[in-house]
């Protein structure tokens, strides 16, 4: 397993086809699953780190290379980023190794004539990294934050305008930290069974601790993939950020309700909803608690997404659920007024999860945001009709953008018979503020050890 060459190939593929590097990294790790865990960890950190820090790396290269980064050959550009990332961010890698391995790869891949250029620039970076002149924070605050945290200037400027410099700085600092693996344990297990499952994980030397916001949420550190944890195959838990768990809490789901999850993949909210509905098997233990009128329908736009939802629901043992391939923009007449709760976690820019999905910061554009807002409106123009009078539409996104969040909730209430309802009866006290009293909650990346997330609880007026 030539970790640097594999990283080079993944980064080239991501750049060439505008594909998701996280998916490419996952594919490589699955292919080389039998390799030394240290090699796999090195490859993962290097590849994801280069993707995450691309703006910073290009700025540094620009300080030492006479050839602009954009004019470099794609392979040389990716190779140089790999070298600079090791020099700046991987203390365990000697500078000489970062330089020498880059030169070897340049020669191996047919660029012997440029190996001297690669060697010279990287050694200059290593020698002079302490004297790099960074943008001035006071004169150019947005440029400073852009280069320091590798986020496009336009997005930094937007966040500063929407939320202020201090909050923007906080989100950006969180965006470059390692985001934790958060596990949602089935509440239906009961406290003792959850405690036993947590202990079994801790016994594998994985550091696991209860999340400070929700009692059934646990943060796991040092796991070699969630599938390796005891209890995973038995369906005792699933991976879900606490922000997403809170959205289901905000919906106020109870046994006996009918719930529709219209954009359900990969299934985290559907499993949380099924847990709230007591839609689980193991009849000997649970028949006395089951409610035959509970029903969950999970929909998404493709067979592949539905397969993933079904796989998760089956693993976790939830029944009384149904999965359908359904474009959320297309109205299904027989579902009109059916649901007590509609979960509308619509496609969004994903700016609240840039700490997990490194490429989002580069894939998102101002034009793309406008198209997403239009898509969200098209989905909501249909989804509201599935909520029965007196029922709840729980609107949510994993982003930090007023156009997709507060303004979209306002759009629903202006056009359709809905009114916002306080979240305080459903969310933990630590989250209560003036906004939650009005029915909205904007979580900022890292603020409560969660991703960035928005939710609005909207009640359909009776008689409409």
Protein backbone atom coordinates (compact mmCIF):
# COMPACT_ATOMS: atom_id res chain seq x y z
CA UNK A 1 0.00 0.00 0.00
CA UNK A 2 1.82 3.11 -1.28
CA UNK A 3 -0.11 5.57 0.84
CA UNK A 4 1.15 8.73 -0.86
CA UNK A 5 0.52 7.42 -4.37
CA UNK A 6 -2.99 6.28 -3.41
CA UNK A 7 -3.64 9.73 -1.96
CA UNK A 8 -2.38 11.28 -5.19
CA UNK A 9 -4.71 9.14 -7.28
CA UNK A 10 -7.75 9.95 -5.13
CA UNK A 11 -7.05 13.69 -5.23
CA UNK A 12 -6.54 13.61 -9.00
CA UNK A 13 -9.79 11.73 -9.47
CA UNK A 14 -11.68 14.15 -7.22
CA UNK A 15 -10.28 17.15 -9.09
CA UNK A 16 -10.82 15.70 -12.56
CA UNK A 17 -14.40 14.51 -12.12
CA UNK A 18 -15.57 16.86 -9.36
CA UNK A 19 -16.42 13.73 -7.39
CA UNK A 20 -16.73 13.42 -3.64
CA UNK A 21 -13.34 12.67 -2.13
CA UNK A 22 -14.94 11.19 1.00
CA UNK A 23 -16.53 8.46 -1.15
CA UNK A 24 -13.25 7.82 -2.96
CA UNK A 25 -11.37 7.54 0.34
CA UNK A 26 -13.95 5.07 1.62
CA UNK A 27 -13.60 2.95 -1.52
CA UNK A 28 -9.82 2.76 -1.14
CA UNK A 29 -10.03 1.86 2.54
CA UNK A 30 -12.49 -0.95 1.76
CA UNK A 31 -10.22 -2.26 -1.00
CA UNK A 32 -7.19 -2.28 1.30
CA UNK A 33 -9.06 -3.35 4.42
CA UNK A 34 -6.46 -6.05 5.15
CA UNK A 35 -3.56 -3.54 5.29
CA UNK A 36 -1.83 -2.23 8.41
CA UNK A 37 -4.24 0.10 10.27
CA UNK A 38 -1.42 2.66 10.60
CA UNK A 39 -1.02 2.81 6.81
CA UNK A 40 -4.77 3.21 6.35
CA UNK A 41 -4.88 5.96 8.97
CA UNK A 42 -1.96 7.76 7.29
CA UNK A 43 -3.67 7.57 3.89
CA UNK A 44 -6.99 8.81 5.29
CA UNK A 45 -5.50 11.73 7.16
CA UNK A 46 -3.29 12.77 4.26
CA UNK A 47 -6.03 12.62 1.63
CA UNK A 48 -8.74 14.28 3.70
CA UNK A 49 -6.27 16.81 5.09
CA UNK A 50 -5.15 17.94 1.64
CA UNK A 51 -8.76 18.29 0.54
CA UNK A 52 -9.68 20.22 3.67
CA UNK A 53 -6.68 22.59 3.60
CA UNK A 54 -6.52 23.18 -0.14
CA UNK A 55 -6.84 26.99 -0.03
CA UNK A 56 -4.14 27.23 2.64
CA UNK A 57 -1.83 24.88 0.77
CA UNK A 58 -2.25 26.79 -2.49
CA UNK A 59 -1.55 30.08 -0.71
CA UNK A 60 1.69 28.67 0.71
CA UNK A 61 2.72 27.26 -2.66
CA UNK A 62 2.06 30.67 -4.17
CA UNK A 63 4.57 32.18 -1.75
CA UNK A 64 7.38 29.92 -3.00
CA UNK A 65 6.59 28.88 -6.57
CA UNK A 66 7.13 31.13 -9.60
CA UNK A 67 4.59 29.00 -11.45
CA UNK A 68 1.04 29.84 -10.30
CA UNK A 69 -0.73 26.87 -8.75
CA UNK A 70 -3.55 27.02 -11.31
CA UNK A 71 -1.03 26.66 -14.16
CA UNK A 72 0.71 23.60 -12.74
CA UNK A 73 0.09 20.20 -14.29
CA UNK A 74 -2.78 18.53 -12.33
CA UNK A 75 -0.54 15.72 -11.08
CA UNK A 76 2.21 18.14 -10.00
CA UNK A 77 -0.33 20.40 -8.32
CA UNK A 78 -1.81 17.53 -6.28
CA UNK A 79 1.67 16.18 -5.52
CA UNK A 80 2.83 19.57 -4.26
CA UNK A 81 -0.24 19.92 -2.04
CA UNK A 82 0.50 16.50 -0.55
CA UNK A 83 4.08 17.53 0.18
CA UNK A 84 3.17 20.88 1.74
CA UNK A 85 0.45 19.30 3.88
CA UNK A 86 2.96 16.87 5.39
CA UNK A 87 5.44 19.69 6.06
CA UNK A 88 2.88 21.98 7.72
CA UNK A 89 0.51 19.60 9.48
CA UNK A 90 2.08 16.16 10.00
CA UNK A 91 4.72 16.49 12.70
CA UNK A 92 5.54 12.79 12.60
CA UNK A 93 6.71 13.02 8.99
CA UNK A 94 10.29 14.32 8.50
CA UNK A 95 10.53 17.16 5.99
CA UNK A 96 13.08 15.15 4.03
CA UNK A 97 10.62 12.28 3.63
CA UNK A 98 7.86 14.62 2.42
CA UNK A 99 10.23 16.09 -0.21
CA UNK A 100 11.96 12.87 -1.29
CA UNK A 101 8.76 10.87 -1.68
CA UNK A 102 7.22 13.64 -3.79
CA UNK A 103 10.26 13.64 -6.06
CA UNK A 104 10.11 9.84 -6.41
CA UNK A 105 6.43 9.99 -7.34
CA UNK A 106 7.02 12.75 -9.88
CA UNK A 107 9.64 10.59 -11.61
CA UNK A 108 7.55 7.44 -11.35
CA UNK A 109 4.57 9.14 -12.98
CA UNK A 110 6.51 10.47 -15.94
CA UNK A 111 7.48 13.96 -14.75
CA UNK A 112 11.24 13.54 -14.28
CA UNK A 113 11.84 16.94 -15.91
CA UNK A 114 9.79 18.60 -13.16
CA UNK A 115 11.30 16.66 -10.24
CA UNK A 116 13.83 19.43 -9.59
CA UNK A 117 11.02 21.99 -9.44
CA UNK A 118 9.08 19.81 -6.99
CA UNK A 119 12.16 19.31 -4.83
CA UNK A 120 13.15 22.98 -4.83
CA UNK A 121 9.72 24.38 -3.90
CA UNK A 122 9.04 21.84 -1.16
CA UNK A 123 12.45 22.30 0.43
CA UNK A 124 11.93 26.08 0.38
CA UNK A 125 8.60 25.64 2.16
CA UNK A 126 10.23 23.39 4.77
CA UNK A 127 13.10 25.79 5.33
CA UNK A 128 11.06 29.01 5.45
CA UNK A 129 7.67 28.01 6.86
CA UNK A 130 8.14 30.17 9.96
CA UNK A 131 8.57 33.30 7.84
CA UNK A 132 5.47 32.91 5.64
CA UNK A 133 3.62 36.23 5.37
CA UNK A 134 -0.08 35.58 5.98
CA UNK A 135 -2.94 37.97 5.11
CA UNK A 136 -3.50 40.79 7.61
CA UNK A 137 -6.43 39.97 9.92
CA UNK A 138 -7.30 43.63 10.57
CA UNK A 139 -7.00 44.89 6.99
CA UNK A 140 -8.50 41.86 5.26
CA UNK A 141 -10.44 39.83 7.87
CA UNK A 142 -12.34 37.69 5.34
CA UNK A 143 -9.19 36.90 3.34
CA UNK A 144 -7.32 36.11 6.57
CA UNK A 145 -9.99 33.63 7.69
CA UNK A 146 -10.28 32.17 4.19
CA UNK A 147 -6.57 31.36 4.02
CA UNK A 148 -6.26 30.26 7.63
CA UNK A 149 -9.23 27.87 7.56
CA UNK A 150 -9.45 27.05 3.84
CA UNK A 151 -12.94 28.37 3.16
CA UNK A 152 -13.78 30.48 0.08
CA UNK A 153 -13.75 34.23 0.69
CA UNK A 154 -17.33 34.71 -0.49
CA UNK A 155 -18.61 32.22 2.11
CA UNK A 156 -16.58 33.83 4.90
CA UNK A 157 -17.97 37.23 3.91
CA UNK A 158 -21.52 35.84 3.91
CA UNK A 159 -21.14 34.31 7.37
CA UNK A 160 -19.62 37.50 8.77
CA UNK A 161 -22.54 39.49 7.34
CA UNK A 162 -25.12 37.01 8.67
CA UNK A 163 -23.62 36.07 12.04
CA UNK A 164 -20.72 38.40 12.85
CA UNK A 165 -16.95 37.89 12.96
CA UNK A 166 -16.75 36.15 16.34
CA UNK A 167 -19.31 33.45 15.53
CA UNK A 168 -17.82 32.95 12.07
CA UNK A 169 -14.38 32.46 13.63
CA UNK A 170 -15.82 29.91 16.05
CA UNK A 171 -17.45 27.90 13.28
CA UNK A 172 -14.30 27.94 11.18
CA UNK A 173 -12.15 26.80 14.10
CA UNK A 174 -14.53 23.87 14.60
CA UNK A 175 -14.55 23.06 10.89
CA UNK A 176 -10.91 21.98 10.90
CA UNK A 177 -11.15 19.86 14.05
CA UNK A 178 -11.77 16.13 13.90
CA UNK A 179 -15.54 15.68 14.18
CA UNK A 180 -16.52 12.94 16.65
CA UNK A 181 -18.37 9.73 15.87
CA UNK A 182 -21.73 10.03 17.63
CA UNK A 183 -23.87 6.99 18.37
CA UNK A 184 -27.63 6.97 18.94
CA UNK A 185 -28.51 4.06 21.24
CA UNK A 186 -32.02 2.66 21.01
CA UNK A 187 -34.04 4.25 23.79
CA UNK A 188 -36.23 1.16 23.77
CA UNK A 189 -33.29 -0.83 25.15
CA UNK A 190 -33.64 0.80 28.56
CA UNK A 191 -30.91 2.32 30.72
CA UNK A 192 -29.31 -0.94 31.89
CA UNK A 193 -29.01 -2.43 28.39
CA UNK A 194 -27.54 0.82 27.07
CA UNK A 195 -25.04 0.89 29.96
CA UNK A 196 -24.03 -2.72 29.18
CA UNK A 197 -23.60 -1.91 25.48
CA UNK A 198 -21.49 1.16 26.30
CA UNK A 199 -19.28 -0.93 28.59
CA UNK A 200 -18.77 -3.53 25.87
CA UNK A 201 -17.51 -0.78 23.55
CA UNK A 202 -15.29 0.72 26.25
CA UNK A 203 -13.75 -2.73 26.82
CA UNK A 204 -12.37 -2.60 23.26
CA UNK A 205 -10.24 0.43 24.28
CA UNK A 206 -12.52 2.84 22.42
CA UNK A 207 -13.06 6.03 24.45
CA UNK A 208 -16.81 6.47 24.78
CA UNK A 209 -18.70 9.09 26.79
CA UNK A 210 -22.25 10.30 27.11
CA UNK A 211 -23.05 13.44 25.13
CA UNK A 212 -23.85 16.48 27.24
CA UNK A 213 -27.14 17.26 25.46
CA UNK A 214 -29.01 13.93 25.09
CA UNK A 215 -28.75 10.92 27.44
CA UNK A 216 -29.00 8.26 24.73
CA UNK A 217 -26.26 9.86 22.60
CA UNK A 218 -22.63 8.80 23.06
CA UNK A 219 -19.41 10.09 21.51
CA UNK A 220 -16.89 7.41 20.51
CA UNK A 221 -13.23 8.18 19.85
CA UNK A 222 -10.58 5.82 18.52
CA UNK A 223 -12.92 3.37 16.79
CA UNK A 224 -11.64 1.57 13.70
CA UNK A 225 -14.94 2.09 11.88
CA UNK A 226 -18.41 1.86 13.39
CA UNK A 227 -18.94 -1.64 11.99
CA UNK A 228 -16.22 -2.99 14.25
CA UNK A 229 -17.95 -1.90 17.46
CA UNK A 230 -19.71 -4.56 19.55
CA UNK A 231 -23.47 -4.14 19.29
CA UNK A 232 -23.47 -2.62 15.81
CA UNK A 233 -24.46 -5.77 13.93
CA UNK A 234 -27.06 -6.48 16.61
CA UNK A 235 -28.64 -3.09 15.86
CA UNK A 236 -28.20 -1.59 19.31
CA UNK A 237 -27.19 1.79 17.89
CA UNK A 238 -26.58 3.77 14.74
CA UNK A 239 -24.44 6.73 13.73
CA UNK A 240 -26.25 10.07 13.94
CA UNK A 241 -25.17 13.55 14.95
CA UNK A 242 -26.92 14.97 18.00
CA UNK A 243 -28.24 17.87 15.92
CA UNK A 244 -30.19 15.38 13.81
CA UNK A 245 -31.44 13.59 16.94
CA UNK A 246 -32.68 16.93 18.28
CA UNK A 247 -34.76 17.48 15.14
CA UNK A 248 -36.68 14.28 15.88
CA UNK A 249 -37.04 15.35 19.51
CA UNK A 250 -38.47 18.65 18.26
CA UNK A 251 -41.10 16.77 16.23
CA UNK A 252 -42.68 15.40 19.43
CA UNK A 253 -43.22 11.89 18.02
CA UNK A 254 -45.16 9.46 20.25
CA UNK A 255 -46.40 5.85 19.91
CA UNK A 256 -49.57 5.65 17.83
CA UNK A 257 -48.61 8.45 15.43
CA UNK A 258 -48.24 8.25 11.67
CA UNK A 259 -44.92 9.72 10.55
CA UNK A 260 -43.71 10.51 7.03
CA UNK A 261 -39.99 11.11 6.40
CA UNK A 262 -39.89 12.62 2.91
CA UNK A 263 -36.10 12.89 2.32
CA UNK A 264 -34.99 10.07 4.55
CA UNK A 265 -31.58 8.77 3.36
CA UNK A 266 -29.40 7.51 4.95
CA UNK A 267 -32.06 6.84 7.58
CA UNK A 268 -30.90 8.38 10.85
CA UNK A 269 -34.10 10.33 11.47
CA UNK A 270 -36.25 7.42 10.33
CA UNK A 271 -34.60 5.16 12.90
CA UNK A 272 -34.99 7.82 15.58
CA UNK A 273 -38.67 8.20 14.65
CA UNK A 274 -39.18 4.42 14.66
CA UNK A 275 -37.64 4.29 18.12
CA UNK A 276 -40.04 6.98 19.34
CA UNK A 277 -42.97 5.10 17.79
CA UNK A 278 -41.92 1.80 19.42
CA UNK A 279 -41.75 0.20 15.95
CA UNK A 280 -39.45 -2.60 17.01
CA UNK A 281 -39.39 -6.37 16.94
CA UNK A 282 -38.44 -8.83 19.71
CA UNK A 283 -42.08 -9.57 20.54
CA UNK A 284 -41.46 -11.48 23.78
CA UNK A 285 -40.02 -8.34 25.37
CA UNK A 286 -42.12 -5.66 23.82
CA UNK A 287 -45.60 -6.84 22.80
CA UNK A 288 -47.20 -5.17 25.81
CA UNK A 289 -45.77 -1.80 24.72
CA UNK A 290 -46.45 -2.01 21.00
CA UNK A 291 -48.99 0.21 19.34
CA UNK A 292 -50.37 -1.38 16.17
CA UNK A 293 -51.48 2.02 14.87
CA UNK A 294 -47.92 3.38 14.81
CA UNK A 295 -46.65 3.77 11.25
CA UNK A 296 -43.52 5.18 9.63
CA UNK A 297 -43.09 5.74 5.89
CA UNK A 298 -39.61 6.68 4.68
CA UNK A 299 -39.12 8.06 1.17
CA UNK A 300 -36.25 9.15 -1.01
CA UNK A 301 -35.52 9.72 -4.65
CA UNK A 302 -33.57 6.60 -5.71
CA UNK A 303 -33.43 2.83 -5.27
CA UNK A 304 -29.87 3.14 -3.94
CA UNK A 305 -30.94 5.52 -1.18
CA UNK A 306 -33.95 3.40 -0.27
CA UNK A 307 -31.76 0.30 -0.09
CA UNK A 308 -29.52 2.06 2.41
CA UNK A 309 -32.50 3.10 4.56
CA UNK A 310 -33.96 -0.40 4.49
CA UNK A 311 -30.59 -1.89 5.39
CA UNK A 312 -30.34 0.37 8.44
CA UNK A 313 -33.92 -0.23 9.56
CA UNK A 314 -33.52 -4.00 9.25
CA UNK A 315 -30.23 -4.02 11.14
CA UNK A 316 -31.74 -2.05 14.01
CA UNK A 317 -34.79 -4.33 14.13
CA UNK A 318 -37.52 -1.79 13.42
CA UNK A 319 -40.75 -3.00 11.89
CA UNK A 320 -44.02 -1.20 11.14
CA UNK A 321 -42.01 0.82 8.69
CA UNK A 322 -42.29 1.17 4.93
CA UNK A 323 -39.72 2.52 2.46
CA UNK A 324 -40.67 4.02 -0.90
CA UNK A 325 -38.84 5.44 -3.89
CA UNK A 326 -40.50 8.83 -4.22
CA UNK A 327 -39.44 12.23 -5.55
CA UNK A 328 -40.47 14.62 -2.79
CA UNK A 329 -41.61 17.16 -5.38
CA UNK A 330 -44.25 14.83 -6.80
CA UNK A 331 -47.57 14.82 -4.95
CA UNK A 332 -49.10 11.49 -3.88
CA UNK A 333 -52.87 12.11 -3.57
CA UNK A 334 -53.62 9.14 -1.29
CA UNK A 335 -51.18 10.56 1.30
CA UNK A 336 -52.91 13.91 1.61
CA UNK A 337 -53.63 14.74 5.25
CA UNK A 338 -52.26 11.34 6.36
CA UNK A 339 -49.39 12.24 8.70
CA UNK A 340 -49.36 13.40 12.29
CA UNK A 341 -45.75 14.43 11.65
CA UNK A 342 -43.90 15.10 8.40
CA UNK A 343 -40.11 15.19 8.72
CA UNK A 344 -38.84 17.48 5.96
CA UNK A 345 -35.06 17.34 6.18
CA UNK A 346 -34.62 18.76 2.70
CA UNK A 347 -31.55 18.75 0.41
CA UNK A 348 -29.39 21.69 1.44
CA UNK A 349 -25.96 23.25 1.05
CA UNK A 350 -24.61 21.21 3.97
CA UNK A 351 -22.54 24.09 5.35
CA UNK A 352 -23.15 22.82 8.87
CA UNK A 353 -21.23 19.61 8.17
CA UNK A 354 -18.11 21.00 6.46
CA UNK A 355 -16.11 19.51 9.32
CA UNK A 356 -17.17 16.02 8.18
CA UNK A 357 -17.45 16.50 4.41
CA UNK A 358 -14.33 18.40 3.41
CA UNK A 359 -15.27 19.05 -0.20
CA UNK A 360 -18.49 20.95 0.61
CA UNK A 361 -16.54 24.17 1.16
CA UNK A 362 -15.29 24.00 -2.44
CA UNK A 363 -18.35 22.56 -4.15
CA UNK A 364 -20.78 25.18 -2.80
CA UNK A 365 -21.35 28.28 -4.93
CA UNK A 366 -23.62 31.29 -4.66
CA UNK A 367 -25.45 30.13 -7.80
CA UNK A 368 -25.78 26.66 -6.31
CA UNK A 369 -27.36 28.09 -3.15
CA UNK A 370 -30.02 29.82 -5.22
CA UNK A 371 -30.86 26.58 -7.02
CA UNK A 372 -31.12 24.73 -3.71
CA UNK A 373 -33.53 27.32 -2.32
CA UNK A 374 -35.76 26.81 -5.36
CA UNK A 375 -35.61 23.01 -4.93
CA UNK A 376 -36.54 23.35 -1.25
CA UNK A 377 -39.57 25.44 -2.16
CA UNK A 378 -40.69 22.87 -4.74
CA UNK A 379 -40.47 20.11 -2.12
CA UNK A 380 -42.33 22.11 0.52
CA UNK A 381 -45.05 23.13 -1.95
CA UNK A 382 -45.92 19.43 -1.98
CA UNK A 383 -44.91 18.20 1.49
CA UNK A 384 -47.21 20.45 3.52
CA UNK A 385 -50.26 18.70 2.03
CA UNK A 386 -49.34 15.42 3.75
CA UNK A 387 -49.70 16.98 7.21
CA UNK A 388 -53.15 16.45 8.67
CA UNK A 389 -54.93 19.48 10.22
CA UNK A 390 -53.43 19.93 13.69
CA UNK A 391 -50.34 17.94 12.68
CA UNK A 392 -46.69 19.04 12.62
CA UNK A 393 -44.27 19.80 9.81
CA UNK A 394 -40.73 19.58 11.17
CA UNK A 395 -38.54 21.47 8.71
CA UNK A 396 -34.80 20.99 9.05
CA UNK A 397 -31.46 21.37 7.26
CA UNK A 398 -27.84 20.62 8.09
CA UNK A 399 -26.71 24.08 7.04
CA UNK A 400 -25.97 27.54 8.40
CA UNK A 401 -27.64 29.91 5.94
CA UNK A 402 -30.69 32.14 6.63
CA UNK A 403 -31.93 31.77 3.03
CA UNK A 404 -32.34 28.02 3.52
CA UNK A 405 -33.43 28.23 7.14
CA UNK A 406 -35.36 31.10 8.75
CA UNK A 407 -36.48 32.49 5.39
CA UNK A 408 -37.69 29.08 4.26
CA UNK A 409 -39.74 28.63 7.44
CA UNK A 410 -41.22 32.08 6.77
CA UNK A 411 -42.00 31.00 3.20
CA UNK A 412 -44.06 28.05 4.48
CA UNK A 413 -46.05 30.16 6.93
CA UNK A 414 -46.71 32.91 4.39
CA UNK A 415 -48.08 30.56 1.73
CA UNK A 416 -49.67 27.72 3.69
CA UNK A 417 -51.81 27.28 6.85
CA UNK A 418 -48.98 26.79 9.34
CA UNK A 419 -47.81 28.62 12.43
CA UNK A 420 -44.61 28.23 14.39
CA UNK A 421 -44.84 26.53 17.77
CA UNK A 422 -42.40 26.81 20.68
CA UNK A 423 -39.67 24.18 20.82
CA UNK A 424 -39.06 24.58 24.53
CA UNK A 425 -41.32 21.66 25.50
CA UNK A 426 -39.26 19.32 23.29
CA UNK A 427 -35.63 20.44 23.45
CA UNK A 428 -33.18 20.28 26.40
CA UNK A 429 -33.20 23.37 28.63
CA UNK A 430 -29.64 24.31 27.64
CA UNK A 431 -30.89 25.12 24.13
CA UNK A 432 -33.77 27.36 25.19
CA UNK A 433 -33.57 30.97 24.00
CA UNK A 434 -35.76 33.58 22.35
CA UNK A 435 -35.62 31.74 19.03
CA UNK A 436 -36.72 28.37 20.42
CA UNK A 437 -39.69 30.10 22.07
CA UNK A 438 -40.68 31.22 18.57
CA UNK A 439 -40.34 27.72 17.14
CA UNK A 440 -36.87 27.87 15.57
CA UNK A 441 -33.43 26.59 16.51
CA UNK A 442 -30.18 27.35 14.70
CA UNK A 443 -27.30 25.23 15.97
CA UNK A 444 -23.86 26.53 15.04
CA UNK A 445 -21.03 24.14 14.26
CA UNK A 446 -19.42 22.93 17.50
CA UNK A 447 -21.44 25.17 19.81
CA UNK A 448 -23.01 22.24 21.68
CA UNK A 449 -20.65 19.61 20.27
CA UNK A 450 -22.98 19.22 17.30
CA UNK A 451 -22.91 19.93 13.60
CA UNK A 452 -24.45 23.12 12.27
CA UNK A 453 -28.18 22.53 11.96
CA UNK A 454 -31.55 24.29 11.73
CA UNK A 455 -35.03 23.16 12.70
CA UNK A 456 -38.48 24.72 12.75
CA UNK A 457 -41.61 23.21 14.33
CA UNK A 458 -44.65 24.28 12.30
CA UNK A 459 -48.20 23.32 13.28
CA UNK A 460 -50.91 23.04 10.62
CA UNK A 461 -53.93 25.07 11.63
CA UNK A 462 -57.11 23.10 12.34
CA UNK A 463 -59.77 23.49 9.71
CA UNK A 464 -57.20 24.18 6.96
